[in-house]
């Protein structure tokens, strides 16, 4: 019997690696572009002492927060929406 016309589909290689939790969180919370348009963001670069950076990073990591979000919140508290 000839197998010439038979097509076989081969799937992806199985893996035992687990997807990182951070990747799962990003997929669940990413923007889809269907939400109302938000104000454009501008990049702000500042230099801070290593000890201050370490303290901020440690506390943010403990709460599962991003440094950028924390700094943005502090700036909004100080300067409000313009």
PDB file of N, CA and C in Angstrom:
ATOM      1  N   UNK A   1       0.849  -1.182   0.000  1.00  0.00           N
ATOM      2  CA  UNK A   1       0.000   0.000   0.000  1.00  0.00           C
ATOM      3  C   UNK A   1       0.895   1.246   0.000  1.00  0.00           C
ATOM      4  N   UNK A   2       0.594   2.200  -0.845  1.00  0.00           N
ATOM      5  CA  UNK A   2       1.411   3.396  -0.996  1.00  0.00           C
ATOM      6  C   UNK A   2       0.988   4.478  -0.007  1.00  0.00           C
ATOM      7  N   UNK A   3       1.954   5.127   0.611  1.00  0.00           N
ATOM      8  CA  UNK A   3       1.709   6.225   1.563  1.00  0.00           C
ATOM      9  C   UNK A   3       2.026   7.565   0.908  1.00  0.00           C
ATOM     10  N   UNK A   4       2.168   7.578  -0.398  1.00  0.00           N
ATOM     11  CA  UNK A   4       2.607   8.775  -1.110  1.00  0.00           C
ATOM     12  C   UNK A   4       1.646   9.952  -0.951  1.00  0.00           C
ATOM     13  N   UNK A   5       0.371   9.754  -0.982  1.00  0.00           N
ATOM     14  CA  UNK A   5      -0.593  10.834  -0.919  1.00  0.00           C
ATOM     15  C   UNK A   5      -0.988  11.225   0.493  1.00  0.00           C
ATOM     16  N   UNK A   6      -0.510  10.522   1.474  1.00  0.00           N
ATOM     17  CA  UNK A   6      -0.890  10.782   2.863  1.00  0.00           C
ATOM     18  C   UNK A   6      -0.046  11.904   3.455  1.00  0.00           C
ATOM     19  N   UNK A   7      -0.710  12.908   4.054  1.00  0.00           N
ATOM     20  CA  UNK A   7      -0.001  14.015   4.683  1.00  0.00           C
ATOM     21  C   UNK A   7      -0.095  13.890   6.193  1.00  0.00           C
ATOM     22  N   UNK A   8       1.022  14.114   6.844  1.00  0.00           N
ATOM     23  CA  UNK A   8       1.074  14.026   8.300  1.00  0.00           C
ATOM     24  C   UNK A   8       1.478  15.392   8.839  1.00  0.00           C
ATOM     25  N   UNK A   9       0.743  15.862   9.816  1.00  0.00           N
ATOM     26  CA  UNK A   9       1.046  17.141  10.455  1.00  0.00           C
ATOM     27  C   UNK A   9       1.894  16.894  11.696  1.00  0.00           C
ATOM     28  N   UNK A  10       2.996  17.614  11.797  1.00  0.00           N
ATOM     29  CA  UNK A  10       3.880  17.479  12.952  1.00  0.00           C
ATOM     30  C   UNK A  10       3.749  18.748  13.786  1.00  0.00           C
ATOM     31  N   UNK A  11       3.410  18.582  15.056  1.00  0.00           N
ATOM     32  CA  UNK A  11       3.229  19.718  15.959  1.00  0.00           C
ATOM     33  C   UNK A  11       4.550  20.255  16.469  1.00  0.00           C
ATOM     34  N   UNK A  12       4.459  21.199  17.407  1.00  0.00           N
ATOM     35  CA  UNK A  12       5.664  21.788  17.985  1.00  0.00           C
ATOM     36  C   UNK A  12       6.340  20.818  18.934  1.00  0.00           C
ATOM     37  N   UNK A  13       7.603  21.044  19.159  1.00  0.00           N
ATOM     38  CA  UNK A  13       8.384  20.200  20.047  1.00  0.00           C
ATOM     39  C   UNK A  13       7.882  20.365  21.480  1.00  0.00           C
ATOM     40  N   UNK A  14       7.578  19.276  22.167  1.00  0.00           N
ATOM     41  CA  UNK A  14       7.112  19.390  23.559  1.00  0.00           C
ATOM     42  C   UNK A  14       8.233  19.930  24.449  1.00  0.00           C
ATOM     43  N   UNK A  15       7.839  20.648  25.466  1.00  0.00           N
ATOM     44  CA  UNK A  15       8.821  21.221  26.380  1.00  0.00           C
ATOM     45  C   UNK A  15       8.336  21.076  27.815  1.00  0.00           C
ATOM     46  N   UNK A  16       9.289  20.994  28.707  1.00  0.00           N
ATOM     47  CA  UNK A  16       8.942  20.924  30.127  1.00  0.00           C
ATOM     48  C   UNK A  16       9.130  22.279  30.793  1.00  0.00           C
ATOM     49  N   UNK A  17       9.641  23.240  30.012  1.00  0.00           N
ATOM     50  CA  UNK A  17       9.833  24.588  30.560  1.00  0.00           C
ATOM     51  C   UNK A  17       8.498  25.253  30.810  1.00  0.00           C
ATOM     52  N   UNK A  18       8.380  25.887  31.965  1.00  0.00           N
ATOM     53  CA  UNK A  18       7.164  26.610  32.283  1.00  0.00           C
ATOM     54  C   UNK A  18       7.295  28.051  31.819  1.00  0.00           C
ATOM     55  N   UNK A  19       6.179  28.637  31.410  1.00  0.00           N
ATOM     56  CA  UNK A  19       6.173  30.034  31.012  1.00  0.00           C
ATOM     57  C   UNK A  19       6.357  30.884  32.252  1.00  0.00           C
ATOM     58  N   UNK A  20       7.265  31.861  32.207  1.00  0.00           N
ATOM     59  CA  UNK A  20       7.468  32.714  33.381  1.00  0.00           C
ATOM     60  C   UNK A  20       6.180  33.432  33.779  1.00  0.00           C
ATOM     61  N   UNK A  21       5.975  33.603  35.073  1.00  0.00           N
ATOM     62  CA  UNK A  21       4.775  34.265  35.588  1.00  0.00           C
ATOM     63  C   UNK A  21       4.667  35.676  35.028  1.00  0.00           C
ATOM     64  N   UNK A  22       5.790  36.369  34.909  1.00  0.00           N
ATOM     65  CA  UNK A  22       5.769  37.737  34.389  1.00  0.00           C
ATOM     66  C   UNK A  22       5.206  37.768  32.972  1.00  0.00           C
ATOM     67  N   UNK A  23       5.538  36.776  32.172  1.00  0.00           N
ATOM     68  CA  UNK A  23       5.023  36.729  30.801  1.00  0.00           C
ATOM     69  C   UNK A  23       3.511  36.526  30.808  1.00  0.00           C
ATOM     70  N   UNK A  24       3.035  35.652  31.661  1.00  0.00           N
ATOM     71  CA  UNK A  24       1.591  35.431  31.778  1.00  0.00           C
ATOM     72  C   UNK A  24       0.876  36.706  32.199  1.00  0.00           C
ATOM     73  N   UNK A  25       1.445  37.421  33.162  1.00  0.00           N
ATOM     74  CA  UNK A  25       0.833  38.663  33.642  1.00  0.00           C
ATOM     75  C   UNK A  25       0.787  39.701  32.535  1.00  0.00           C
ATOM     76  N   UNK A  26       1.861  39.776  31.730  1.00  0.00           N
ATOM     77  CA  UNK A  26       1.888  40.742  30.640  1.00  0.00           C
ATOM     78  C   UNK A  26       0.805  40.438  29.611  1.00  0.00           C
ATOM     79  N   UNK A  27       0.656  39.172  29.275  1.00  0.00           N
ATOM     80  CA  UNK A  27      -0.355  38.790  28.286  1.00  0.00           C
ATOM     81  C   UNK A  27      -1.750  39.139  28.780  1.00  0.00           C
ATOM     82  N   UNK A  28      -2.010  38.935  30.056  1.00  0.00           N
ATOM     83  CA  UNK A  28      -3.340  39.203  30.604  1.00  0.00           C
ATOM     84  C   UNK A  28      -3.652  40.692  30.698  1.00  0.00           C
ATOM     85  N   UNK A  29      -2.629  41.528  30.888  1.00  0.00           N
ATOM     86  CA  UNK A  29      -2.885  42.950  31.123  1.00  0.00           C
ATOM     87  C   UNK A  29      -2.501  43.849  29.964  1.00  0.00           C
ATOM     88  N   UNK A  30      -1.976  43.285  28.886  1.00  0.00           N
ATOM     89  CA  UNK A  30      -1.533  44.144  27.781  1.00  0.00           C
ATOM     90  C   UNK A  30      -2.703  44.867  27.139  1.00  0.00           C
ATOM     91  N   UNK A  31      -2.381  45.994  26.562  1.00  0.00           N
ATOM     92  CA  UNK A  31      -3.406  46.802  25.918  1.00  0.00           C
ATOM     93  C   UNK A  31      -3.733  46.199  24.554  1.00  0.00           C
ATOM     94  N   UNK A  32      -4.989  46.236  24.202  1.00  0.00           N
ATOM     95  CA  UNK A  32      -5.419  45.659  22.928  1.00  0.00           C
ATOM     96  C   UNK A  32      -5.581  46.712  21.854  1.00  0.00           C
ATOM     97  N   UNK A  33      -5.460  47.969  22.206  1.00  0.00           N
ATOM     98  CA  UNK A  33      -5.613  49.031  21.228  1.00  0.00           C
ATOM     99  C   UNK A  33      -7.065  49.404  21.008  1.00  0.00           C
ATOM    100  N   UNK A  34      -7.989  48.727  21.668  1.00  0.00           N
ATOM    101  CA  UNK A  34      -9.405  48.999  21.512  1.00  0.00           C
ATOM    102  C   UNK A  34      -9.923  49.920  22.607  1.00  0.00           C
ATOM    103  N   UNK A  35      -9.062  50.235  23.562  1.00  0.00           N
ATOM    104  CA  UNK A  35      -9.473  51.100  24.651  1.00  0.00           C
ATOM    105  C   UNK A  35      -9.408  52.549  24.183  1.00  0.00           C
ATOM    106  N   UNK A  36     -10.021  53.442  24.958  1.00  0.00           N
ATOM    107  CA  UNK A  36      -9.979  54.842  24.567  1.00  0.00           C
ATOM    108  C   UNK A  36      -8.533  55.320  24.525  1.00  0.00           C
ATOM    109  N   UNK A  37      -8.266  56.258  23.647  1.00  0.00           N
ATOM    110  CA  UNK A  37      -6.910  56.721  23.429  1.00  0.00           C
ATOM    111  C   UNK A  37      -6.373  57.428  24.663  1.00  0.00           C
ATOM    112  N   UNK A  38      -5.165  57.031  25.068  1.00  0.00           N
ATOM    113  CA  UNK A  38      -4.512  57.636  26.227  1.00  0.00           C
ATOM    114  C   UNK A  38      -3.536  58.690  25.754  1.00  0.00           C
ATOM    115  N   UNK A  39      -3.177  59.586  26.660  1.00  0.00           N
ATOM    116  CA  UNK A  39      -2.199  60.610  26.341  1.00  0.00           C
ATOM    117  C   UNK A  39      -0.854  59.964  26.024  1.00  0.00           C
ATOM    118  N   UNK A  40      -0.157  60.483  25.036  1.00  0.00           N
ATOM    119  CA  UNK A  40       1.156  59.957  24.682  1.00  0.00           C
ATOM    120  C   UNK A  40       2.113  60.145  25.844  1.00  0.00           C
ATOM    121  N   UNK A  41       3.061  59.219  25.968  1.00  0.00           N
ATOM    122  CA  UNK A  41       4.054  59.282  27.032  1.00  0.00           C
ATOM    123  C   UNK A  41       5.352  59.866  26.496  1.00  0.00           C
ATOM    124  N   UNK A  42       6.085  60.558  27.345  1.00  0.00           N
ATOM    125  CA  UNK A  42       7.407  61.084  27.042  1.00  0.00           C
ATOM    126  C   UNK A  42       8.397  60.458  28.006  1.00  0.00           C
ATOM    127  N   UNK A  43       9.592  60.164  27.522  1.00  0.00           N
ATOM    128  CA  UNK A  43      10.621  59.539  28.342  1.00  0.00           C
ATOM    129  C   UNK A  43      11.348  60.601  29.166  1.00  0.00           C
ATOM    130  N   UNK A  44      11.606  60.288  30.423  1.00  0.00           N
ATOM    131  CA  UNK A  44      12.323  61.172  31.334  1.00  0.00           C
ATOM    132  C   UNK A  44      13.485  60.370  31.921  1.00  0.00           C
ATOM    133  N   UNK A  45      14.674  60.874  31.763  1.00  0.00           N
ATOM    134  CA  UNK A  45      15.854  60.183  32.281  1.00  0.00           C
ATOM    135  C   UNK A  45      16.472  61.028  33.383  1.00  0.00           C
ATOM    136  N   UNK A  46      16.673  60.415  34.544  1.00  0.00           N
ATOM    137  CA  UNK A  46      17.299  61.116  35.664  1.00  0.00           C
ATOM    138  C   UNK A  46      18.386  60.236  36.258  1.00  0.00           C
ATOM    139  N   UNK A  47      19.348  60.866  36.893  1.00  0.00           N
ATOM    140  CA  UNK A  47      20.405  60.140  37.597  1.00  0.00           C
ATOM    141  C   UNK A  47      20.120  60.213  39.082  1.00  0.00           C
ATOM    142  N   UNK A  48      20.183  59.064  39.748  1.00  0.00           N
ATOM    143  CA  UNK A  48      19.975  59.000  41.193  1.00  0.00           C
ATOM    144  C   UNK A  48      21.090  58.157  41.800  1.00  0.00           C
ATOM    145  N   UNK A  49      21.380  58.346  43.088  1.00  0.00           N
ATOM    146  CA  UNK A  49      22.412  57.532  43.741  1.00  0.00           C
ATOM    147  C   UNK A  49      22.045  56.043  43.719  1.00  0.00           C
ATOM    148  N   UNK A  50      23.069  55.197  43.635  1.00  0.00           N
ATOM    149  CA  UNK A  50      22.850  53.750  43.614  1.00  0.00           C
ATOM    150  C   UNK A  50      22.051  53.278  44.817  1.00  0.00           C
ATOM    151  N   UNK A  51      22.338  53.845  45.977  1.00  0.00           N
ATOM    152  CA  UNK A  51      21.651  53.406  47.202  1.00  0.00           C
ATOM    153  C   UNK A  51      20.148  53.704  47.114  1.00  0.00           C
ATOM    154  N   UNK A  52      19.794  54.851  46.542  1.00  0.00           N
ATOM    155  CA  UNK A  52      18.378  55.186  46.387  1.00  0.00           C
ATOM    156  C   UNK A  52      17.718  54.251  45.379  1.00  0.00           C
ATOM    157  N   UNK A  53      18.408  53.984  44.275  1.00  0.00           N
ATOM    158  CA  UNK A  53      17.868  53.063  43.267  1.00  0.00           C
ATOM    159  C   UNK A  53      17.637  51.680  43.867  1.00  0.00           C
ATOM    160  N   UNK A  54      18.605  51.211  44.638  1.00  0.00           N
ATOM    161  CA  UNK A  54      18.495  49.891  45.270  1.00  0.00           C
ATOM    162  C   UNK A  54      17.291  49.846  46.215  1.00  0.00           C
ATOM    163  N   UNK A  55      17.100  50.923  47.000  1.00  0.00           N
ATOM    164  CA  UNK A  55      15.967  50.971  47.942  1.00  0.00           C
ATOM    165  C   UNK A  55      14.634  50.972  47.194  1.00  0.00           C
ATOM    166  N   UNK A  56      14.544  51.764  46.137  1.00  0.00           N
ATOM    167  CA  UNK A  56      13.307  51.816  45.342  1.00  0.00           C
ATOM    168  C   UNK A  56      13.040  50.463  44.714  1.00  0.00           C
ATOM    169  N   UNK A  57      14.072  49.886  44.089  1.00  0.00           N
ATOM    170  CA  UNK A  57      13.911  48.599  43.401  1.00  0.00           C
ATOM    171  C   UNK A  57      13.505  47.491  44.370  1.00  0.00           C
ATOM    172  N   UNK A  58      14.102  47.475  45.553  1.00  0.00           N
ATOM    173  CA  UNK A  58      13.787  46.458  46.557  1.00  0.00           C
ATOM    174  C   UNK A  58      12.333  46.555  46.994  1.00  0.00           C
ATOM    175  N   UNK A  59      11.883  47.766  47.299  1.00  0.00           N
ATOM    176  CA  UNK A  59      10.504  47.937  47.753  1.00  0.00           C
ATOM    177  C   UNK A  59       9.506  47.640  46.642  1.00  0.00           C
ATOM    178  N   UNK A  60       9.801  48.077  45.435  1.00  0.00           N
ATOM    179  CA  UNK A  60       8.895  47.812  44.306  1.00  0.00           C
ATOM    180  C   UNK A  60       8.802  46.310  44.044  1.00  0.00           C
ATOM    181  N   UNK A  61       9.936  45.641  44.063  1.00  0.00           N
ATOM    182  CA  UNK A  61       9.940  44.194  43.829  1.00  0.00           C
ATOM    183  C   UNK A  61       9.132  43.471  44.901  1.00  0.00           C
ATOM    184  N   UNK A  62       9.238  43.930  46.133  1.00  0.00           N
ATOM    185  CA  UNK A  62       8.484  43.314  47.228  1.00  0.00           C
ATOM    186  C   UNK A  62       6.980  43.445  47.058  1.00  0.00           C
ATOM    187  N   UNK A  63       6.552  44.514  46.396  1.00  0.00           N
ATOM    188  CA  UNK A  63       5.122  44.731  46.161  1.00  0.00           C
ATOM    189  C   UNK A  63       4.681  44.272  44.778  1.00  0.00           C
ATOM    190  N   UNK A  64       5.645  43.843  43.951  1.00  0.00           N
ATOM    191  CA  UNK A  64       5.324  43.435  42.594  1.00  0.00           C
ATOM    192  C   UNK A  64       4.974  44.616  41.702  1.00  0.00           C
ATOM    193  N   UNK A  65       5.517  45.788  42.030  1.00  0.00           N
ATOM    194  CA  UNK A  65       5.235  47.004  41.270  1.00  0.00           C
ATOM    195  C   UNK A  65       6.422  47.339  40.370  1.00  0.00           C
ATOM    196  N   UNK A  66       6.175  48.143  39.355  1.00  0.00           N
ATOM    197  CA  UNK A  66       7.237  48.606  38.470  1.00  0.00           C
ATOM    198  C   UNK A  66       7.735  49.958  38.969  1.00  0.00           C
ATOM    199  N   UNK A  67       9.043  50.164  38.865  1.00  0.00           N
ATOM    200  CA  UNK A  67       9.629  51.435  39.301  1.00  0.00           C
ATOM    201  C   UNK A  67       8.999  52.589  38.536  1.00  0.00           C
ATOM    202  N   UNK A  68       8.834  52.445  37.240  1.00  0.00           N
ATOM    203  CA  UNK A  68       8.267  53.523  36.422  1.00  0.00           C
ATOM    204  C   UNK A  68       6.874  53.915  36.908  1.00  0.00           C
ATOM    205  N   UNK A  69       6.064  52.923  37.274  1.00  0.00           N
ATOM    206  CA  UNK A  69       4.713  53.216  37.768  1.00  0.00           C
ATOM    207  C   UNK A  69       4.763  53.967  39.090  1.00  0.00           C
ATOM    208  N   UNK A  70       5.689  53.573  39.962  1.00  0.00           N
ATOM    209  CA  UNK A  70       5.836  54.236  41.259  1.00  0.00           C
ATOM    210  C   UNK A  70       6.261  55.697  41.081  1.00  0.00           C
ATOM    211  N   UNK A  71       7.264  55.919  40.228  1.00  0.00           N
ATOM    212  CA  UNK A  71       7.755  57.277  40.011  1.00  0.00           C
ATOM    213  C   UNK A  71       6.670  58.121  39.356  1.00  0.00           C
ATOM    214  N   UNK A  72       5.962  57.548  38.386  1.00  0.00           N
ATOM    215  CA  UNK A  72       4.863  58.261  37.728  1.00  0.00           C
ATOM    216  C   UNK A  72       3.811  58.692  38.745  1.00  0.00           C
ATOM    217  N   UNK A  73       3.473  57.797  39.673  1.00  0.00           N
ATOM    218  CA  UNK A  73       2.487  58.100  40.709  1.00  0.00           C
ATOM    219  C   UNK A  73       2.963  59.237  41.613  1.00  0.00           C
ATOM    220  N   UNK A  74       4.233  59.195  42.019  1.00  0.00           N
ATOM    221  CA  UNK A  74       4.787  60.266  42.857  1.00  0.00           C
ATOM    222  C   UNK A  74       4.758  61.608  42.135  1.00  0.00           C
ATOM    223  N   UNK A  75       5.102  61.617  40.856  1.00  0.00           N
ATOM    224  CA  UNK A  75       5.081  62.855  40.085  1.00  0.00           C
ATOM    225  C   UNK A  75       3.662  63.380  39.928  1.00  0.00           C
ATOM    226  N   UNK A  76       2.700  62.487  39.745  1.00  0.00           N
ATOM    227  CA  UNK A  76       1.298  62.910  39.628  1.00  0.00           C
ATOM    228  C   UNK A  76       0.808  63.519  40.952  1.00  0.00           C
ATOM    229  N   UNK A  77       1.221  62.949  42.079  1.00  0.00           N
ATOM    230  CA  UNK A  77       0.846  63.492  43.371  1.00  0.00           C
ATOM    231  C   UNK A  77       1.413  64.892  43.567  1.00  0.00           C
ATOM    232  N   UNK A  78       2.656  65.082  43.126  1.00  0.00           N
ATOM    233  CA  UNK A  78       3.317  66.371  43.316  1.00  0.00           C
ATOM    234  C   UNK A  78       2.814  67.436  42.331  1.00  0.00           C
ATOM    235  N   UNK A  79       2.643  67.060  41.072  1.00  0.00           N
ATOM    236  CA  UNK A  79       2.330  68.038  40.041  1.00  0.00           C
ATOM    237  C   UNK A  79       0.932  67.930  39.458  1.00  0.00           C
ATOM    238  N   UNK A  80       0.233  66.845  39.734  1.00  0.00           N
ATOM    239  CA  UNK A  80      -1.132  66.683  39.239  1.00  0.00           C
ATOM    240  C   UNK A  80      -1.215  66.647  37.733  1.00  0.00           C
ATOM    241  N   UNK A  81      -2.413  66.511  37.254  1.00  0.00           N
ATOM    242  CA  UNK A  81      -2.632  66.514  35.805  1.00  0.00           C
ATOM    243  C   UNK A  81      -2.639  67.943  35.301  1.00  0.00           C
ATOM    244  N   UNK A  82      -1.953  68.136  34.182  1.00  0.00           N
ATOM    245  CA  UNK A  82      -1.893  69.502  33.631  1.00  0.00           C
ATOM    246  C   UNK A  82      -2.851  69.692  32.486  1.00  0.00           C
TER     247      UNK A  82
END
